[in-house]
Each structure stands twice: as C-alpha cells, then as structure tokens.
Amino acid sequence: MTTAENTVVAFPTKPEDPAPNSFEKIWGKKVRSHGYAAIPTILIRSQHRLGINSTQFCLLMHLLDLFWSPDRPPFPTKQQLADRIGIKPSSIKPNMKALEQAGLIQRVQHKTAAGDWGANTYHLDGLIRRVKDLEPDFALEKKKRQAERKRVETPKGKRRKE
C-alpha cells in the first residue's frame, strides 16, 4: 500500500467568465452590474385589481427597488422619489397617502438626531400580504391554462369524453 505524501487538493475555482444568466442574456452584464429589483409578476398583472393608478404603481416599483432586506424597509425622501419618477414632490404625498389608505404601505415618520423630521420609512407589509393573498387565484388560473393546453395538444381521438 502506498500513500501520497503531502497531497494537497486545490479548491475548485470559478470560471473566469461564467455563463450569462437569462437577465444578462437580455440586458447584458454592464446593465446587470448596476443591480435589479425583484418584482413579482402577480403585482404587475394585478395593478388594476389592487386599485392603484400608474403613479402609485411607479412609486411602489421605486420603493421595491430600494427594498433590499426584509429587516430594513426603504426610506427615500419625497424629493428623491420625485426626481426618479420625474414628477413634482407635491405629487408624492397624495399618492403615498392613497397607497397607505389602501393598506399597501405604512409610512412611519421619524426624527433625525438633530430633532428634525427625517425621511419617512415605508413598510410594505400590506403590499406583500395582498400579493400573497392573490397567489391562489393565479395558481388556479395557471392550472386551468395548463389543463387546456394539455387538452388541445392531445389528439381528438385520445381526449377524454367532454
């Protein structure tokens, strides 16, 4: 029996240029390097059902873009949101109020260390809960769509009696 002396096994290395994922295939690595937001398709497809207008939807998209961790809700200023969207800061407050009244967001004001009012913190628990509540409807719709696709793809002579 022989034994290898001082055999060291190298850790596997990452390939220098890993295969691009779907996002990179569409947008490219340079665009991806600036980050991206995870937006549930259910939220996008349910804008009307949630009763939100295009400005409110846009505000939610920007809040989601700034929502990086469940334990740290976003806290942009009204001016930052207005600059990002291209609207007047005076348009932010009524739209945020409508989102809050709809139960989609919760604004929490806080004071800075100097005692001044700082930017609001926006809790998105209501939005998350509403989207999760919509999921069963979308699951049912998906199941029906898959069943219909299977029915259509099955030759007429082999289909179940309808």
N, C-alpha and C. Protein backbone atom coordinates (compact mmCIF):
# COMPACT_ATOMS: atom_id res chain seq x y z
N MET A 1 0.84 -1.16 0.00
CA MET A 1 0.00 0.00 0.00
C MET A 1 0.90 1.23 0.00
N THR A 2 0.58 2.16 -0.89
CA THR A 2 1.37 3.38 -0.95
C THR A 2 0.51 4.55 -0.50
N THR A 3 1.13 5.53 0.08
CA THR A 3 0.42 6.75 0.48
C THR A 3 1.11 7.93 -0.17
N ALA A 4 0.31 8.88 -0.55
CA ALA A 4 0.86 10.09 -1.15
C ALA A 4 1.28 11.02 -0.02
N GLU A 5 2.47 11.55 -0.16
CA GLU A 5 2.96 12.47 0.86
C GLU A 5 2.53 13.89 0.53
N ASN A 6 2.03 14.57 1.53
CA ASN A 6 1.66 15.99 1.40
C ASN A 6 0.78 16.25 0.17
N THR A 7 -0.22 15.44 0.02
CA THR A 7 -1.13 15.65 -1.10
C THR A 7 -2.07 16.79 -0.77
N VAL A 8 -2.07 17.79 -1.61
CA VAL A 8 -2.94 18.95 -1.41
C VAL A 8 -3.91 18.99 -2.58
N VAL A 9 -5.17 19.07 -2.25
CA VAL A 9 -6.19 19.16 -3.29
C VAL A 9 -6.63 20.61 -3.37
N ALA A 10 -6.50 21.18 -4.54
CA ALA A 10 -6.86 22.59 -4.72
C ALA A 10 -8.37 22.75 -4.71
N PHE A 11 -8.82 23.87 -4.15
CA PHE A 11 -10.24 24.20 -4.21
C PHE A 11 -10.62 24.47 -5.65
N PRO A 12 -11.81 24.07 -6.03
CA PRO A 12 -12.23 24.38 -7.40
C PRO A 12 -12.34 25.90 -7.56
N THR A 13 -11.97 26.36 -8.70
CA THR A 13 -12.03 27.80 -8.95
C THR A 13 -13.23 28.09 -9.82
N LYS A 14 -13.73 29.30 -9.67
CA LYS A 14 -14.84 29.73 -10.51
C LYS A 14 -14.30 30.01 -11.90
N PRO A 15 -15.09 29.69 -12.91
CA PRO A 15 -14.64 30.05 -14.25
C PRO A 15 -14.51 31.57 -14.35
N GLU A 16 -13.53 32.01 -15.11
CA GLU A 16 -13.29 33.45 -15.20
C GLU A 16 -14.49 34.18 -15.79
N ASP A 17 -15.17 33.56 -16.71
CA ASP A 17 -16.31 34.20 -17.34
C ASP A 17 -17.48 33.22 -17.32
N PRO A 18 -18.22 33.18 -16.17
CA PRO A 18 -19.31 32.21 -16.09
C PRO A 18 -20.38 32.50 -17.16
N ALA A 19 -21.12 31.46 -17.47
CA ALA A 19 -22.17 31.59 -18.49
C ALA A 19 -23.19 32.64 -18.02
N PRO A 20 -23.63 33.48 -18.92
CA PRO A 20 -24.60 34.51 -18.52
C PRO A 20 -25.96 33.90 -18.18
N ASN A 21 -26.61 34.49 -17.17
CA ASN A 21 -27.96 34.03 -16.84
C ASN A 21 -28.95 34.71 -17.79
N SER A 22 -30.22 34.42 -17.63
CA SER A 22 -31.24 34.98 -18.53
C SER A 22 -31.25 36.50 -18.51
N PHE A 23 -31.12 37.08 -17.32
CA PHE A 23 -31.11 38.54 -17.22
C PHE A 23 -29.97 39.11 -18.05
N GLU A 24 -28.79 38.53 -17.89
CA GLU A 24 -27.62 39.01 -18.65
C GLU A 24 -27.77 38.78 -20.14
N LYS A 25 -28.41 37.68 -20.51
CA LYS A 25 -28.61 37.43 -21.94
C LYS A 25 -29.50 38.50 -22.56
N ILE A 26 -30.47 39.00 -21.80
CA ILE A 26 -31.37 40.03 -22.30
C ILE A 26 -30.73 41.41 -22.21
N TRP A 27 -30.24 41.76 -21.04
CA TRP A 27 -29.80 43.13 -20.78
C TRP A 27 -28.29 43.34 -20.87
N GLY A 28 -27.52 42.29 -20.65
CA GLY A 28 -26.06 42.40 -20.68
C GLY A 28 -25.48 42.58 -19.29
N LYS A 29 -24.20 42.25 -19.17
CA LYS A 29 -23.52 42.30 -17.87
C LYS A 29 -23.38 43.72 -17.34
N LYS A 30 -23.15 44.67 -18.22
CA LYS A 30 -22.97 46.05 -17.76
C LYS A 30 -24.23 46.57 -17.09
N VAL A 31 -25.38 46.27 -17.68
CA VAL A 31 -26.65 46.71 -17.09
C VAL A 31 -26.86 45.98 -15.77
N ARG A 32 -26.61 44.68 -15.74
CA ARG A 32 -26.80 43.89 -14.51
C ARG A 32 -25.90 44.39 -13.39
N SER A 33 -24.73 44.88 -13.71
CA SER A 33 -23.79 45.32 -12.68
C SER A 33 -24.33 46.48 -11.84
N HIS A 34 -25.37 47.13 -12.31
CA HIS A 34 -25.98 48.24 -11.57
C HIS A 34 -27.14 47.78 -10.69
N GLY A 35 -27.42 46.48 -10.71
CA GLY A 35 -28.46 45.91 -9.87
C GLY A 35 -29.78 45.78 -10.59
N TYR A 36 -30.70 45.10 -9.94
CA TYR A 36 -32.04 44.93 -10.49
C TYR A 36 -32.99 44.68 -9.32
N ALA A 37 -34.27 44.93 -9.53
CA ALA A 37 -35.28 44.74 -8.49
C ALA A 37 -36.10 43.50 -8.81
N ALA A 38 -36.49 42.80 -7.77
CA ALA A 38 -37.35 41.63 -7.93
C ALA A 38 -38.80 42.09 -7.79
N ILE A 39 -39.52 42.05 -8.88
CA ILE A 39 -40.91 42.48 -8.90
C ILE A 39 -41.77 41.26 -9.23
N PRO A 40 -42.64 40.84 -8.31
CA PRO A 40 -43.48 39.68 -8.62
C PRO A 40 -44.41 39.96 -9.80
N THR A 41 -44.52 39.01 -10.69
CA THR A 41 -45.41 39.15 -11.84
C THR A 41 -46.85 39.35 -11.38
N ILE A 42 -47.22 38.71 -10.28
CA ILE A 42 -48.58 38.89 -9.75
C ILE A 42 -48.85 40.36 -9.48
N LEU A 43 -47.88 41.07 -8.94
CA LEU A 43 -48.05 42.50 -8.66
C LEU A 43 -48.25 43.27 -9.96
N ILE A 44 -47.46 42.97 -10.95
CA ILE A 44 -47.57 43.67 -12.23
C ILE A 44 -48.93 43.40 -12.87
N ARG A 45 -49.34 42.14 -12.89
CA ARG A 45 -50.60 41.76 -13.54
C ARG A 45 -51.83 42.18 -12.74
N SER A 46 -51.64 42.57 -11.46
CA SER A 46 -52.77 42.91 -10.60
C SER A 46 -52.88 44.40 -10.31
N GLN A 47 -52.22 45.23 -11.06
CA GLN A 47 -52.26 46.67 -10.79
C GLN A 47 -53.71 47.17 -10.71
N HIS A 48 -54.51 46.85 -11.70
CA HIS A 48 -55.90 47.32 -11.72
C HIS A 48 -56.68 46.69 -10.57
N ARG A 49 -56.45 45.43 -10.34
CA ARG A 49 -57.16 44.72 -9.27
C ARG A 49 -56.84 45.30 -7.89
N LEU A 50 -55.62 45.79 -7.73
CA LEU A 50 -55.23 46.42 -6.46
C LEU A 50 -55.77 47.85 -6.35
N GLY A 51 -56.28 48.38 -7.46
CA GLY A 51 -56.87 49.71 -7.44
C GLY A 51 -55.85 50.83 -7.38
N ILE A 52 -54.69 50.62 -8.01
CA ILE A 52 -53.66 51.66 -7.97
C ILE A 52 -53.45 52.24 -9.37
N ASN A 53 -53.24 53.55 -9.40
CA ASN A 53 -53.01 54.21 -10.68
C ASN A 53 -51.55 54.08 -11.10
N SER A 54 -51.22 54.61 -12.25
CA SER A 54 -49.86 54.42 -12.78
C SER A 54 -48.81 55.12 -11.93
N THR A 55 -49.13 56.27 -11.36
CA THR A 55 -48.15 56.96 -10.50
C THR A 55 -47.92 56.15 -9.23
N GLN A 56 -48.98 55.63 -8.64
CA GLN A 56 -48.84 54.82 -7.43
C GLN A 56 -48.07 53.53 -7.72
N PHE A 57 -48.35 52.93 -8.86
CA PHE A 57 -47.62 51.73 -9.27
C PHE A 57 -46.13 52.05 -9.42
N CYS A 58 -45.85 53.17 -10.06
CA CYS A 58 -44.46 53.59 -10.25
C CYS A 58 -43.77 53.83 -8.90
N LEU A 59 -44.47 54.46 -7.97
CA LEU A 59 -43.91 54.68 -6.64
C LEU A 59 -43.59 53.34 -5.97
N LEU A 60 -44.50 52.38 -6.08
CA LEU A 60 -44.25 51.05 -5.50
C LEU A 60 -43.02 50.40 -6.13
N MET A 61 -42.87 50.54 -7.45
CA MET A 61 -41.70 49.96 -8.12
C MET A 61 -40.41 50.56 -7.57
N HIS A 62 -40.42 51.87 -7.34
CA HIS A 62 -39.22 52.52 -6.81
C HIS A 62 -38.97 52.14 -5.36
N LEU A 63 -40.03 51.99 -4.58
CA LEU A 63 -39.84 51.51 -3.21
C LEU A 63 -39.29 50.09 -3.20
N LEU A 64 -39.79 49.24 -4.09
CA LEU A 64 -39.28 47.87 -4.17
C LEU A 64 -37.84 47.83 -4.64
N ASP A 65 -37.46 48.78 -5.50
CA ASP A 65 -36.07 48.86 -5.94
C ASP A 65 -35.14 49.19 -4.77
N LEU A 66 -35.66 49.88 -3.78
CA LEU A 66 -34.86 50.28 -2.61
C LEU A 66 -35.02 49.32 -1.43
N PHE A 67 -35.83 48.30 -1.60
CA PHE A 67 -36.12 47.34 -0.52
C PHE A 67 -35.20 46.14 -0.67
N TRP A 68 -34.06 46.19 -0.03
CA TRP A 68 -33.02 45.19 -0.22
C TRP A 68 -33.03 44.10 0.84
N SER A 69 -33.63 44.37 1.98
CA SER A 69 -33.59 43.40 3.07
C SER A 69 -34.92 43.46 3.84
N PRO A 70 -35.47 42.31 4.24
CA PRO A 70 -36.75 42.32 4.95
C PRO A 70 -36.70 43.10 6.26
N ASP A 71 -35.52 43.20 6.86
CA ASP A 71 -35.42 43.91 8.13
C ASP A 71 -35.01 45.37 7.98
N ARG A 72 -35.00 45.87 6.74
CA ARG A 72 -34.65 47.27 6.53
C ARG A 72 -35.55 47.86 5.44
N PRO A 73 -36.71 48.39 5.84
CA PRO A 73 -37.61 48.96 4.85
C PRO A 73 -37.00 50.20 4.19
N PRO A 74 -37.45 50.54 2.99
CA PRO A 74 -36.87 51.69 2.28
C PRO A 74 -37.27 53.01 2.94
N PHE A 75 -36.40 54.01 2.77
CA PHE A 75 -36.65 55.32 3.39
C PHE A 75 -36.20 56.47 2.49
N PRO A 76 -36.64 56.49 1.23
CA PRO A 76 -36.25 57.60 0.36
C PRO A 76 -37.02 58.87 0.74
N THR A 77 -36.44 60.01 0.41
CA THR A 77 -37.15 61.26 0.62
C THR A 77 -38.16 61.46 -0.50
N LYS A 78 -39.11 62.34 -0.27
CA LYS A 78 -40.08 62.66 -1.32
C LYS A 78 -39.37 63.25 -2.53
N GLN A 79 -38.35 64.05 -2.28
CA GLN A 79 -37.60 64.67 -3.38
C GLN A 79 -36.88 63.61 -4.21
N GLN A 80 -36.29 62.62 -3.55
CA GLN A 80 -35.60 61.55 -4.28
C GLN A 80 -36.59 60.78 -5.16
N LEU A 81 -37.76 60.47 -4.63
CA LEU A 81 -38.76 59.76 -5.41
C LEU A 81 -39.24 60.62 -6.58
N ALA A 82 -39.49 61.89 -6.31
CA ALA A 82 -39.94 62.80 -7.37
C ALA A 82 -38.90 62.89 -8.48
N ASP A 83 -37.63 62.99 -8.11
CA ASP A 83 -36.55 63.08 -9.11
C ASP A 83 -36.46 61.80 -9.93
N ARG A 84 -36.62 60.66 -9.29
CA ARG A 84 -36.53 59.39 -10.00
C ARG A 84 -37.66 59.23 -11.01
N ILE A 85 -38.87 59.67 -10.61
CA ILE A 85 -40.06 59.45 -11.43
C ILE A 85 -40.28 60.58 -12.43
N GLY A 86 -39.80 61.77 -12.09
CA GLY A 86 -40.00 62.91 -12.97
C GLY A 86 -41.32 63.62 -12.72
N ILE A 87 -41.72 63.65 -11.46
CA ILE A 87 -42.94 64.38 -11.09
C ILE A 87 -42.58 65.39 -10.01
N LYS A 88 -43.53 66.25 -9.68
CA LYS A 88 -43.31 67.25 -8.64
C LYS A 88 -43.37 66.59 -7.27
N PRO A 89 -42.53 67.04 -6.34
CA PRO A 89 -42.58 66.46 -4.98
C PRO A 89 -43.96 66.57 -4.35
N SER A 90 -44.73 67.60 -4.71
CA SER A 90 -46.08 67.75 -4.15
C SER A 90 -47.02 66.63 -4.60
N SER A 91 -46.67 65.91 -5.66
CA SER A 91 -47.49 64.78 -6.12
C SER A 91 -47.21 63.50 -5.34
N ILE A 92 -46.12 63.46 -4.64
CA ILE A 92 -45.74 62.24 -3.91
C ILE A 92 -46.68 62.00 -2.74
N LYS A 93 -46.88 63.04 -1.92
CA LYS A 93 -47.65 62.87 -0.69
C LYS A 93 -49.07 62.34 -0.93
N PRO A 94 -49.88 62.92 -1.84
CA PRO A 94 -51.24 62.38 -2.00
C PRO A 94 -51.25 60.94 -2.53
N ASN A 95 -50.29 60.59 -3.37
CA ASN A 95 -50.24 59.23 -3.90
C ASN A 95 -49.80 58.24 -2.82
N MET A 96 -48.86 58.65 -1.98
CA MET A 96 -48.44 57.79 -0.87
C MET A 96 -49.59 57.64 0.13
N LYS A 97 -50.34 58.73 0.33
CA LYS A 97 -51.49 58.67 1.25
C LYS A 97 -52.53 57.68 0.71
N ALA A 98 -52.77 57.70 -0.59
CA ALA A 98 -53.72 56.76 -1.20
C ALA A 98 -53.24 55.32 -1.04
N LEU A 99 -51.94 55.08 -1.22
CA LEU A 99 -51.39 53.74 -1.04
C LEU A 99 -51.53 53.29 0.41
N GLU A 100 -51.35 54.24 1.32
CA GLU A 100 -51.49 53.93 2.74
C GLU A 100 -52.95 53.63 3.08
N GLN A 101 -53.88 54.43 2.55
CA GLN A 101 -55.31 54.19 2.81
C GLN A 101 -55.77 52.86 2.21
N ALA A 102 -55.14 52.44 1.13
CA ALA A 102 -55.45 51.15 0.52
C ALA A 102 -54.83 49.99 1.30
N GLY A 103 -54.02 50.30 2.30
CA GLY A 103 -53.39 49.27 3.12
C GLY A 103 -52.17 48.63 2.49
N LEU A 104 -51.63 49.25 1.45
CA LEU A 104 -50.48 48.66 0.76
C LEU A 104 -49.15 49.07 1.38
N ILE A 105 -49.09 50.25 1.95
CA ILE A 105 -47.87 50.71 2.60
C ILE A 105 -48.23 51.30 3.96
N GLN A 106 -47.21 51.46 4.77
CA GLN A 106 -47.35 52.18 6.03
C GLN A 106 -46.18 53.13 6.12
N ARG A 107 -46.51 54.42 6.25
CA ARG A 107 -45.46 55.43 6.39
C ARG A 107 -45.19 55.64 7.86
N VAL A 108 -43.92 55.67 8.21
CA VAL A 108 -43.53 55.94 9.59
C VAL A 108 -42.57 57.12 9.57
N GLN A 109 -42.99 58.22 10.22
CA GLN A 109 -42.12 59.38 10.30
C GLN A 109 -41.15 59.18 11.46
N HIS A 110 -39.97 59.73 11.29
CA HIS A 110 -39.02 59.68 12.40
C HIS A 110 -38.19 60.95 12.41
N LYS A 111 -37.64 61.20 13.56
CA LYS A 111 -36.81 62.39 13.71
C LYS A 111 -35.34 62.03 13.59
N THR A 112 -34.59 63.01 13.06
CA THR A 112 -33.14 62.83 12.97
C THR A 112 -32.51 63.06 14.33
N ALA A 113 -31.23 62.79 14.44
CA ALA A 113 -30.52 63.02 15.70
C ALA A 113 -30.58 64.49 16.11
N ALA A 114 -30.72 65.38 15.13
CA ALA A 114 -30.80 66.81 15.42
C ALA A 114 -32.21 67.24 15.83
N GLY A 115 -33.17 66.31 15.78
CA GLY A 115 -34.53 66.64 16.17
C GLY A 115 -35.42 67.08 15.03
N ASP A 116 -34.89 67.10 13.82
CA ASP A 116 -35.68 67.46 12.64
C ASP A 116 -36.42 66.21 12.14
N TRP A 117 -37.47 66.45 11.35
CA TRP A 117 -38.16 65.32 10.75
C TRP A 117 -37.32 64.78 9.60
N GLY A 118 -37.05 63.49 9.61
CA GLY A 118 -36.30 62.86 8.55
C GLY A 118 -37.23 62.27 7.50
N ALA A 119 -36.66 61.55 6.56
CA ALA A 119 -37.45 60.89 5.53
C ALA A 119 -38.33 59.82 6.17
N ASN A 120 -39.50 59.60 5.57
CA ASN A 120 -40.38 58.53 6.03
C ASN A 120 -39.73 57.18 5.75
N THR A 121 -40.06 56.23 6.60
CA THR A 121 -39.74 54.83 6.32
C THR A 121 -41.03 54.22 5.79
N TYR A 122 -40.91 53.44 4.73
CA TYR A 122 -42.08 52.86 4.08
C TYR A 122 -42.09 51.35 4.30
N HIS A 123 -43.05 50.90 5.09
CA HIS A 123 -43.21 49.47 5.34
C HIS A 123 -44.16 48.92 4.27
N LEU A 124 -43.75 47.84 3.64
CA LEU A 124 -44.50 47.27 2.52
C LEU A 124 -45.23 45.98 2.88
N ASP A 125 -45.43 45.74 4.17
CA ASP A 125 -46.08 44.51 4.62
C ASP A 125 -47.46 44.33 4.01
N GLY A 126 -48.23 45.42 3.91
CA GLY A 126 -49.57 45.33 3.35
C GLY A 126 -49.54 44.91 1.89
N LEU A 127 -48.63 45.48 1.12
CA LEU A 127 -48.48 45.11 -0.29
C LEU A 127 -48.09 43.64 -0.41
N ILE A 128 -47.15 43.22 0.38
CA ILE A 128 -46.68 41.83 0.34
C ILE A 128 -47.82 40.89 0.70
N ARG A 129 -48.58 41.23 1.72
CA ARG A 129 -49.72 40.39 2.14
C ARG A 129 -50.77 40.32 1.02
N ARG A 130 -51.08 41.45 0.39
CA ARG A 130 -52.09 41.47 -0.68
C ARG A 130 -51.65 40.62 -1.87
N VAL A 131 -50.37 40.72 -2.24
CA VAL A 131 -49.88 39.92 -3.37
C VAL A 131 -49.92 38.44 -3.01
N LYS A 132 -49.55 38.09 -1.80
CA LYS A 132 -49.62 36.70 -1.37
C LYS A 132 -51.07 36.20 -1.36
N ASP A 133 -52.00 37.07 -0.98
CA ASP A 133 -53.41 36.69 -0.98
C ASP A 133 -53.94 36.46 -2.39
N LEU A 134 -53.35 37.11 -3.39
CA LEU A 134 -53.77 36.94 -4.78
C LEU A 134 -53.22 35.66 -5.41
N GLU A 135 -52.18 35.10 -4.82
CA GLU A 135 -51.49 33.96 -5.41
C GLU A 135 -52.40 32.78 -5.71
N PRO A 136 -53.34 32.39 -4.81
CA PRO A 136 -54.20 31.25 -5.14
C PRO A 136 -55.01 31.45 -6.43
N ASP A 137 -55.47 32.67 -6.67
CA ASP A 137 -56.20 32.95 -7.92
C ASP A 137 -55.30 32.71 -9.13
N PHE A 138 -54.07 33.14 -9.02
CA PHE A 138 -53.13 32.97 -10.12
C PHE A 138 -52.73 31.51 -10.28
N ALA A 139 -52.63 30.77 -9.17
CA ALA A 139 -52.32 29.34 -9.25
C ALA A 139 -53.46 28.60 -9.94
N LEU A 140 -54.70 28.95 -9.62
CA LEU A 140 -55.86 28.32 -10.25
C LEU A 140 -55.89 28.63 -11.74
N GLU A 141 -55.65 29.88 -12.08
CA GLU A 141 -55.63 30.29 -13.49
C GLU A 141 -54.53 29.54 -14.25
N LYS A 142 -53.39 29.38 -13.63
CA LYS A 142 -52.28 28.66 -14.25
C LYS A 142 -52.62 27.19 -14.46
N LYS A 143 -53.26 26.59 -13.46
CA LYS A 143 -53.66 25.19 -13.55
C LYS A 143 -54.66 24.99 -14.69
N LYS A 144 -55.64 25.90 -14.81
CA LYS A 144 -56.63 25.82 -15.89
C LYS A 144 -55.95 25.98 -17.25
N ARG A 145 -55.01 26.90 -17.33
CA ARG A 145 -54.29 27.14 -18.59
C ARG A 145 -53.49 25.90 -18.99
N GLN A 146 -52.83 25.25 -18.02
CA GLN A 146 -52.06 24.05 -18.31
C GLN A 146 -52.98 22.90 -18.74
N ALA A 147 -54.13 22.78 -18.09
CA ALA A 147 -55.08 21.72 -18.45
C ALA A 147 -55.62 21.94 -19.86
N GLU A 148 -55.92 23.19 -20.19
CA GLU A 148 -56.43 23.50 -21.53
C GLU A 148 -55.36 23.23 -22.58
N ARG A 149 -54.11 23.58 -22.27
CA ARG A 149 -53.01 23.31 -23.21
C ARG A 149 -52.87 21.81 -23.44
N LYS A 150 -52.96 21.04 -22.36
CA LYS A 150 -52.84 19.58 -22.48
C LYS A 150 -54.01 19.02 -23.31
N ARG A 151 -55.22 19.53 -23.07
CA ARG A 151 -56.39 19.08 -23.82
C ARG A 151 -56.24 19.36 -25.31
N VAL A 152 -55.79 20.55 -25.64
CA VAL A 152 -55.64 20.95 -27.04
C VAL A 152 -54.52 20.16 -27.72
N GLU A 153 -53.48 19.84 -26.98
CA GLU A 153 -52.34 19.12 -27.56
C GLU A 153 -52.62 17.62 -27.71
N THR A 154 -53.65 17.11 -27.02
CA THR A 154 -53.99 15.69 -27.12
C THR A 154 -54.84 15.49 -28.38
N PRO A 155 -54.49 14.53 -29.21
CA PRO A 155 -55.31 14.28 -30.41
C PRO A 155 -56.76 14.03 -30.03
N LYS A 156 -57.69 14.48 -30.90
CA LYS A 156 -59.12 14.39 -30.60
C LYS A 156 -59.56 12.98 -30.25
N GLY A 157 -59.06 11.99 -30.92
CA GLY A 157 -59.46 10.62 -30.65
C GLY A 157 -58.98 10.09 -29.31
N LYS A 158 -58.01 10.75 -28.70
CA LYS A 158 -57.45 10.26 -27.43
C LYS A 158 -57.89 11.13 -26.23
N ARG A 159 -58.70 12.14 -26.50
CA ARG A 159 -59.15 13.02 -25.42
C ARG A 159 -60.24 12.33 -24.61
N ARG A 160 -60.34 12.72 -23.35
CA ARG A 160 -61.41 12.23 -22.51
C ARG A 160 -62.72 12.77 -23.05
N LYS A 161 -63.78 12.03 -22.80
CA LYS A 161 -65.10 12.48 -23.22
C LYS A 161 -65.46 13.75 -22.44
N GLU A 162 -65.87 14.77 -23.17
CA GLU A 162 -66.19 16.04 -22.52
C GLU A 162 -67.66 16.20 -22.31
